């Protein structure tokens, strides 16, 4: 059974009003830093946005139209775990969505996490266990260790994307593929070879250079905003769903996640085809 994309949303989140960091979290991260032989930067933590995954999930639901029908599955995908260990974005969504769906989180896969989440949701649907699913993708700038740009800085924002999926009814069929053991050059070549016929748009993450992908003429190519490394390509999709649906052509979203040096061929290519040309009304 193929999952279909029935809706999408993306929201950006600024920081909370200034407030002292929770002493409990400061103690936890100070102890962890000492354990790993580094130093916890409390000053940077004080300036951080401190939006939890539950905060991002709440904002996502506000950005979506009302969802009266029950859900069967929730998957939260992120590069790193929530900085706040006492709350759960998955549990928040499970309680907030109709049907009280089971849910779980995926992280520590870099920006490949959303693609893995979609594959897992698709397997649940194929097994007859998920007629409706929500995949939420989180970009959180508040981390206990220095995350490096663009996940830090005075102007850094958090971001989150929601993908509404259904095994029955209207929507555009989706398919996901992931290939490991690739150099960056390998990934660009393989992506160009795998693009479907009649492609309308290609959205790529920061790990890919669109100029190095062999794209047929007439295809619109866009790079995701760097401030949202994990949710950026899904933000492009969410912003353009009405136009893309009207064009009725396939759309590809792709990311390359380095997992070693090019000599080690440790990188992973992930891409998702959303076939608006085969969308059911």
Protein backbone atom coordinates (compact mmCIF):
# COMPACT_ATOMS: atom_id res chain seq x y z
CA UNK A 1 0.00 0.00 0.00
CA UNK A 2 1.45 3.37 -1.04
CA UNK A 3 1.25 6.39 1.22
CA UNK A 4 0.04 9.61 -0.32
CA UNK A 5 0.92 13.16 0.69
CA UNK A 6 -2.32 14.93 1.58
CA UNK A 7 -0.90 18.11 3.11
CA UNK A 8 2.21 19.81 4.44
CA UNK A 9 3.16 22.78 6.57
CA UNK A 10 6.32 24.48 7.80
CA UNK A 11 6.85 27.06 10.51
CA UNK A 12 9.83 29.06 11.71
CA UNK A 13 10.19 29.89 15.40
CA UNK A 14 12.10 32.73 17.03
CA UNK A 15 13.45 32.61 20.55
CA UNK A 16 11.46 32.79 23.73
CA UNK A 17 11.45 35.93 25.92
CA UNK A 18 14.70 36.23 27.91
CA UNK A 19 14.64 34.12 31.05
CA UNK A 20 17.27 32.36 33.15
CA UNK A 21 18.09 28.88 31.96
CA UNK A 22 16.65 26.06 34.05
CA UNK A 23 19.22 25.18 36.76
CA UNK A 24 18.33 21.52 36.34
CA UNK A 25 19.37 21.56 32.68
CA UNK A 26 22.47 23.60 33.42
CA UNK A 27 23.54 20.99 35.96
CA UNK A 28 22.84 18.09 33.59
CA UNK A 29 24.81 19.60 30.70
CA UNK A 30 27.66 20.77 32.91
CA UNK A 31 28.02 17.23 34.26
CA UNK A 32 27.84 15.74 30.76
CA UNK A 33 30.45 18.17 29.43
CA UNK A 34 32.79 17.28 32.27
CA UNK A 35 32.26 13.59 31.61
CA UNK A 36 33.31 14.03 27.96
CA UNK A 37 36.23 16.35 28.71
CA UNK A 38 34.70 19.55 27.36
CA UNK A 39 33.07 22.71 28.72
CA UNK A 40 29.38 23.56 28.77
CA UNK A 41 28.80 27.08 27.40
CA UNK A 42 26.11 28.32 29.77
CA UNK A 43 26.18 31.84 28.32
CA UNK A 44 25.31 30.53 24.85
CA UNK A 45 22.62 28.34 26.37
CA UNK A 46 21.10 31.38 28.09
CA UNK A 47 20.87 33.16 24.72
CA UNK A 48 19.44 30.14 22.90
CA UNK A 49 15.86 29.91 21.65
CA UNK A 50 14.97 27.09 24.04
CA UNK A 51 12.00 25.96 21.97
CA UNK A 52 11.33 22.33 22.88
CA UNK A 53 10.04 19.80 20.38
CA UNK A 54 6.68 20.11 22.13
CA UNK A 55 6.70 23.86 21.43
CA UNK A 56 7.50 23.19 17.77
CA UNK A 57 4.81 20.51 17.56
CA UNK A 58 2.22 22.88 19.03
CA UNK A 59 3.10 25.50 16.41
CA UNK A 60 2.89 22.93 13.63
CA UNK A 61 -0.63 21.91 14.61
CA UNK A 62 -1.62 25.58 14.62
CA UNK A 63 -0.29 25.87 11.04
CA UNK A 64 -2.35 22.91 9.80
CA UNK A 65 -6.07 22.93 9.02
CA UNK A 66 -8.28 21.13 11.56
CA UNK A 67 -7.73 17.37 11.57
CA UNK A 68 -10.97 15.71 12.73
CA UNK A 69 -10.16 12.21 11.44
CA UNK A 70 -8.06 9.89 13.65
CA UNK A 71 -4.39 9.21 13.01
CA UNK A 72 -2.72 5.81 13.25
CA UNK A 73 0.95 6.84 13.57
CA UNK A 74 3.20 9.77 14.50
CA UNK A 75 6.93 9.92 13.72
CA UNK A 76 9.14 12.81 14.84
CA UNK A 77 12.41 13.10 12.89
CA UNK A 78 15.36 15.29 13.88
CA UNK A 79 19.12 15.56 13.58
CA UNK A 80 19.65 15.57 17.36
CA UNK A 81 17.43 14.76 20.37
CA UNK A 82 15.39 17.43 22.10
CA UNK A 83 17.56 19.49 24.46
CA UNK A 84 14.82 19.18 27.14
CA UNK A 85 14.75 15.53 28.33
CA UNK A 86 11.69 15.94 30.57
CA UNK A 87 9.16 16.55 27.81
CA UNK A 88 8.37 14.65 24.61
CA UNK A 89 7.24 16.09 21.31
CA UNK A 90 6.00 12.63 20.30
CA UNK A 91 3.86 12.36 23.42
CA UNK A 92 2.50 15.85 22.86
CA UNK A 93 1.39 14.97 19.33
CA UNK A 94 -0.04 11.64 20.44
CA UNK A 95 -2.21 13.42 22.99
CA UNK A 96 -3.14 16.33 20.71
CA UNK A 97 -4.12 14.38 17.59
CA UNK A 98 -7.43 12.53 17.24
CA UNK A 99 -7.15 8.79 17.66
CA UNK A 100 -4.30 8.97 20.22
CA UNK A 101 -1.91 7.38 17.70
CA UNK A 102 1.23 5.51 18.72
CA UNK A 103 4.43 7.33 17.93
CA UNK A 104 8.20 7.29 18.10
CA UNK A 105 11.18 9.50 17.34
CA UNK A 106 14.13 9.15 14.96
CA UNK A 107 17.40 11.03 15.39
CA UNK A 108 21.18 10.73 15.11
CA UNK A 109 20.93 10.12 11.36
CA UNK A 110 21.65 13.71 10.43
CA UNK A 111 19.41 15.15 7.77
CA UNK A 112 18.56 11.63 6.55
CA UNK A 113 16.11 11.23 9.45
CA UNK A 114 13.00 12.54 7.62
CA UNK A 115 13.53 10.09 4.75
CA UNK A 116 13.89 7.17 7.14
CA UNK A 117 10.74 8.34 8.91
CA UNK A 118 8.81 8.31 5.63
CA UNK A 119 10.09 4.83 4.80
CA UNK A 120 8.99 3.54 8.20
CA UNK A 121 5.58 5.17 7.86
CA UNK A 122 5.26 3.54 4.45
CA UNK A 123 6.08 0.13 5.93
CA UNK A 124 3.45 0.61 8.62
CA UNK A 125 0.94 1.42 5.87
CA UNK A 126 2.00 -1.62 3.83
CA UNK A 127 1.43 -3.79 6.90
CA UNK A 128 -2.07 -2.36 7.29
CA UNK A 129 -1.21 -0.56 10.54
CA UNK A 130 -1.27 3.08 9.41
CA UNK A 131 -4.05 4.44 7.25
CA UNK A 132 -3.18 8.00 8.31
CA UNK A 133 0.19 9.21 9.57
CA UNK A 134 1.95 12.42 10.53
CA UNK A 135 5.70 12.85 10.05
CA UNK A 136 7.08 15.89 11.90
CA UNK A 137 10.59 17.16 11.11
CA UNK A 138 12.34 19.30 13.73
CA UNK A 139 15.23 21.78 13.44
CA UNK A 140 16.25 22.91 16.91
CA UNK A 141 19.10 25.36 17.52
CA UNK A 142 19.32 24.83 21.29
CA UNK A 143 21.85 22.06 21.85
CA UNK A 144 24.12 21.40 24.82
CA UNK A 145 27.21 21.25 22.61
CA UNK A 146 28.29 23.81 20.04
CA UNK A 147 26.38 22.72 16.92
CA UNK A 148 28.22 24.97 14.48
CA UNK A 149 26.56 27.11 11.84
CA UNK A 150 23.79 27.39 10.80
CA UNK A 151 22.40 25.89 14.01
CA UNK A 152 23.62 28.73 16.20
CA UNK A 153 23.95 32.51 16.29
CA UNK A 154 21.96 35.49 17.46
CA UNK A 155 19.58 35.31 14.48
CA UNK A 156 19.20 31.51 14.41
CA UNK A 157 15.62 30.26 14.21
CA UNK A 158 14.09 26.91 14.90
CA UNK A 159 11.96 25.27 12.24
CA UNK A 160 9.54 22.38 11.90
CA UNK A 161 7.70 20.70 9.04
CA UNK A 162 4.61 18.50 9.09
CA UNK A 163 3.81 15.94 6.40
CA UNK A 164 0.27 14.54 6.38
CA UNK A 165 0.07 11.08 4.85
CA UNK A 166 -2.78 8.76 3.95
CA UNK A 167 -2.96 5.26 2.52
CA UNK A 168 -6.39 5.84 0.99
CA UNK A 169 -8.16 8.69 -0.74
CA UNK A 170 -6.70 11.76 -2.43
CA UNK A 171 -3.09 12.85 -2.44
CA UNK A 172 0.18 12.39 -4.29
CA UNK A 173 1.97 9.02 -3.98
CA UNK A 174 5.40 9.18 -2.35
CA UNK A 175 8.40 6.92 -2.69
CA UNK A 176 11.69 7.10 -0.78
CA UNK A 177 15.13 5.68 -1.54
CA UNK A 178 18.32 5.81 0.51
CA UNK A 179 21.80 4.76 -0.67
CA UNK A 180 24.84 4.51 1.60
CA UNK A 181 28.54 4.21 0.90
CA UNK A 182 28.72 7.13 -1.55
CA UNK A 183 31.14 9.95 -2.10
CA UNK A 184 29.65 13.34 -2.81
CA UNK A 185 30.47 12.90 -6.51
CA UNK A 186 28.80 9.49 -6.48
CA UNK A 187 25.69 11.01 -4.91
CA UNK A 188 25.39 13.75 -7.53
CA UNK A 189 25.78 11.24 -10.35
CA UNK A 190 23.32 8.72 -8.89
CA UNK A 191 20.71 11.39 -8.22
CA UNK A 192 20.88 12.59 -11.81
CA UNK A 193 20.44 9.04 -13.09
CA UNK A 194 17.51 8.33 -10.76
CA UNK A 195 15.38 11.39 -11.56
CA UNK A 196 11.99 10.29 -12.92
CA UNK A 197 10.71 11.22 -16.34
CA UNK A 198 8.52 14.29 -16.60
CA UNK A 199 10.11 15.82 -13.49
CA UNK A 200 8.77 19.23 -12.59
CA UNK A 201 10.90 20.37 -9.62
CA UNK A 202 13.98 19.29 -7.68
CA UNK A 203 14.53 20.53 -4.13
CA UNK A 204 17.97 19.80 -2.65
CA UNK A 205 19.43 20.15 0.82
CA UNK A 206 22.73 21.73 1.76
CA UNK A 207 24.74 18.57 1.15
CA UNK A 208 24.09 18.72 -2.61
CA UNK A 209 25.16 21.22 -5.24
CA UNK A 210 22.34 21.56 -7.81
CA UNK A 211 24.86 22.60 -10.46
CA UNK A 212 26.49 19.15 -10.21
CA UNK A 213 23.27 17.22 -10.86
CA UNK A 214 22.38 16.38 -14.47
CA UNK A 215 18.86 17.82 -14.64
CA UNK A 216 16.70 17.80 -17.78
CA UNK A 217 15.84 21.18 -19.25
CA UNK A 218 12.66 22.75 -17.99
CA UNK A 219 13.05 21.39 -14.45
CA UNK A 220 12.91 23.93 -11.62
CA UNK A 221 15.80 23.42 -9.17
CA UNK A 222 15.92 25.05 -5.73
CA UNK A 223 18.25 24.74 -2.76
CA UNK A 224 16.75 24.62 0.73
CA UNK A 225 17.46 27.51 3.11
CA UNK A 226 20.58 26.81 5.13
CA UNK A 227 19.03 27.81 8.43
CA UNK A 228 16.82 24.71 8.37
CA UNK A 229 19.19 21.85 7.50
CA UNK A 230 16.79 19.04 8.40
CA UNK A 231 13.42 20.54 7.47
CA UNK A 232 14.50 22.88 4.66
CA UNK A 233 13.53 20.79 1.61
CA UNK A 234 10.20 19.99 3.25
CA UNK A 235 9.67 23.71 3.81
CA UNK A 236 10.03 24.26 0.06
CA UNK A 237 7.53 21.49 -0.57
CA UNK A 238 5.04 22.85 1.96
CA UNK A 239 5.19 26.36 0.53
CA UNK A 240 4.51 25.17 -3.01
CA UNK A 241 2.05 22.28 -2.64
CA UNK A 242 -0.88 24.12 -4.30
CA UNK A 243 1.22 25.12 -7.33
CA UNK A 244 2.90 21.72 -7.59
CA UNK A 245 -0.44 19.92 -7.42
CA UNK A 246 -1.73 22.13 -10.23
CA UNK A 247 1.29 21.33 -12.42
CA UNK A 248 0.67 17.56 -12.00
CA UNK A 249 4.32 16.57 -12.41
CA UNK A 250 6.64 14.58 -10.13
CA UNK A 251 8.75 16.46 -7.57
CA UNK A 252 11.98 15.16 -6.04
CA UNK A 253 13.43 16.16 -2.65
CA UNK A 254 17.02 15.09 -1.98
CA UNK A 255 19.74 15.35 0.66
CA UNK A 256 23.29 14.04 0.98
CA UNK A 257 24.54 13.30 4.48
CA UNK A 258 28.34 12.95 4.86
CA UNK A 259 29.26 10.14 7.23
CA UNK A 260 33.00 10.00 6.59
CA UNK A 261 35.61 11.20 4.12
CA UNK A 262 35.07 10.85 0.39
CA UNK A 263 37.86 8.27 0.39
CA UNK A 264 35.85 6.19 2.86
CA UNK A 265 32.68 6.57 0.77
CA UNK A 266 30.72 7.08 3.95
CA UNK A 267 27.97 9.40 2.73
CA UNK A 268 24.28 8.68 2.26
CA UNK A 269 22.05 9.90 -0.55
CA UNK A 270 18.36 10.22 0.31
CA UNK A 271 15.63 11.22 -2.09
CA UNK A 272 11.87 11.28 -2.09
CA UNK A 273 9.59 11.37 -5.13
CA UNK A 274 6.21 13.05 -4.64
CA UNK A 275 4.27 12.19 -7.78
CA UNK A 276 1.70 14.93 -8.21
CA UNK A 277 1.17 13.61 -11.74
CA UNK A 278 -0.35 10.44 -10.26
CA UNK A 279 -2.30 12.22 -7.53
CA UNK A 280 -5.77 10.91 -6.80
CA UNK A 281 -8.52 13.50 -6.66
